[in-house]
C-alpha cells in the first residue's frame, strides 16, 4: 500500500536501494502536529550527562566501530 505523503513508488525504490546495501528499511507512518503558538512552548533541556558536539574526520574510525550504520 502506498504511504501517505510519499510519491508513488518512493517507498518501494528506497527499500530496494537499502536492501542492495544489506540494510532493511521499514516504512513507518507518522503524524505531524503543529502548535498554534510555538513561542509559548518550554525550551527543551538535555540531561546534564549528555554532551553535544561536532564530528570531524578524526572520529571516523570510532564511529564505524561503534555505530552499526557506519562504514
Protein backbone atom coordinates (compact mmCIF):
# COMPACT_ATOMS: atom_id res chain seq x y z
CA UNK A 1 0.00 0.00 0.00
CA UNK A 2 1.36 3.44 -0.81
CA UNK A 3 2.50 5.54 2.12
CA UNK A 4 0.65 8.80 2.69
CA UNK A 5 2.80 11.80 1.84
CA UNK A 6 5.19 9.97 -0.50
CA UNK A 7 5.12 9.98 -4.26
CA UNK A 8 4.07 6.63 -5.72
CA UNK A 9 6.95 4.16 -5.67
CA UNK A 10 9.32 6.15 -3.44
CA UNK A 11 9.00 3.73 -0.51
CA UNK A 12 9.47 0.68 -2.74
CA UNK A 13 12.52 2.12 -4.51
CA UNK A 14 14.04 3.25 -1.19
CA UNK A 15 13.60 -0.24 0.25
CA UNK A 16 15.20 -1.80 -2.83
CA UNK A 17 18.22 0.53 -2.67
CA UNK A 18 18.66 -0.11 1.06
CA UNK A 19 18.26 -3.88 0.51
CA UNK A 20 21.00 -3.82 -2.13
CA UNK A 21 23.29 -2.37 0.55
CA UNK A 22 22.25 -5.02 3.09
CA UNK A 23 20.05 -2.68 5.12
CA UNK A 24 16.44 -3.47 5.97
CA UNK A 25 14.29 -0.37 5.60
CA UNK A 26 10.89 -0.27 7.25
CA UNK A 27 8.43 2.43 6.25
CA UNK A 28 6.62 3.99 9.21
CA UNK A 29 3.71 6.37 9.22
CA UNK A 30 3.83 9.42 11.44
CA UNK A 31 1.67 12.42 12.06
CA UNK A 32 2.85 15.99 12.40
CA UNK A 33 1.14 18.22 14.92
CA UNK A 34 1.67 21.97 14.85
CA UNK A 35 1.32 24.09 17.96
CA UNK A 36 -0.73 27.24 17.39
CA UNK A 37 1.84 29.39 19.24
CA UNK A 38 5.27 27.71 19.40
CA UNK A 39 6.76 30.67 21.27
CA UNK A 40 4.78 29.59 24.36
CA UNK A 41 6.40 26.15 24.48
CA UNK A 42 9.16 25.49 27.03
CA UNK A 43 12.76 25.21 25.87
CA UNK A 44 13.91 21.59 25.58
CA UNK A 45 16.55 20.59 28.14
CA UNK A 46 19.06 17.80 27.75
CA UNK A 47 20.09 15.56 30.60
CA UNK A 48 23.20 17.11 32.23
CA UNK A 49 25.22 14.00 31.30
CA UNK A 50 24.62 14.49 27.56
CA UNK A 51 27.37 16.23 25.63
CA UNK A 52 26.63 17.81 22.27
CA UNK A 53 29.49 18.40 19.88
CA UNK A 54 30.62 18.16 16.30
CA UNK A 55 32.14 15.25 14.43
CA UNK A 56 35.24 15.56 12.34
CA UNK A 57 37.12 13.10 10.11
CA UNK A 58 39.22 12.17 13.17
CA UNK A 59 36.11 10.46 14.62
CA UNK A 60 35.53 8.24 11.56
CA UNK A 61 37.13 5.04 12.91
CA UNK A 62 35.39 5.34 16.27
CA UNK A 63 32.04 5.97 14.59
CA UNK A 64 32.45 2.99 12.27
CA UNK A 65 33.41 0.73 15.20
CA UNK A 66 30.55 1.74 17.49
CA UNK A 67 27.61 2.72 15.27
CA UNK A 68 26.04 -0.20 13.36
CA UNK A 69 25.28 2.01 10.34
CA UNK A 70 28.84 3.26 9.76
CA UNK A 71 31.26 2.20 7.08
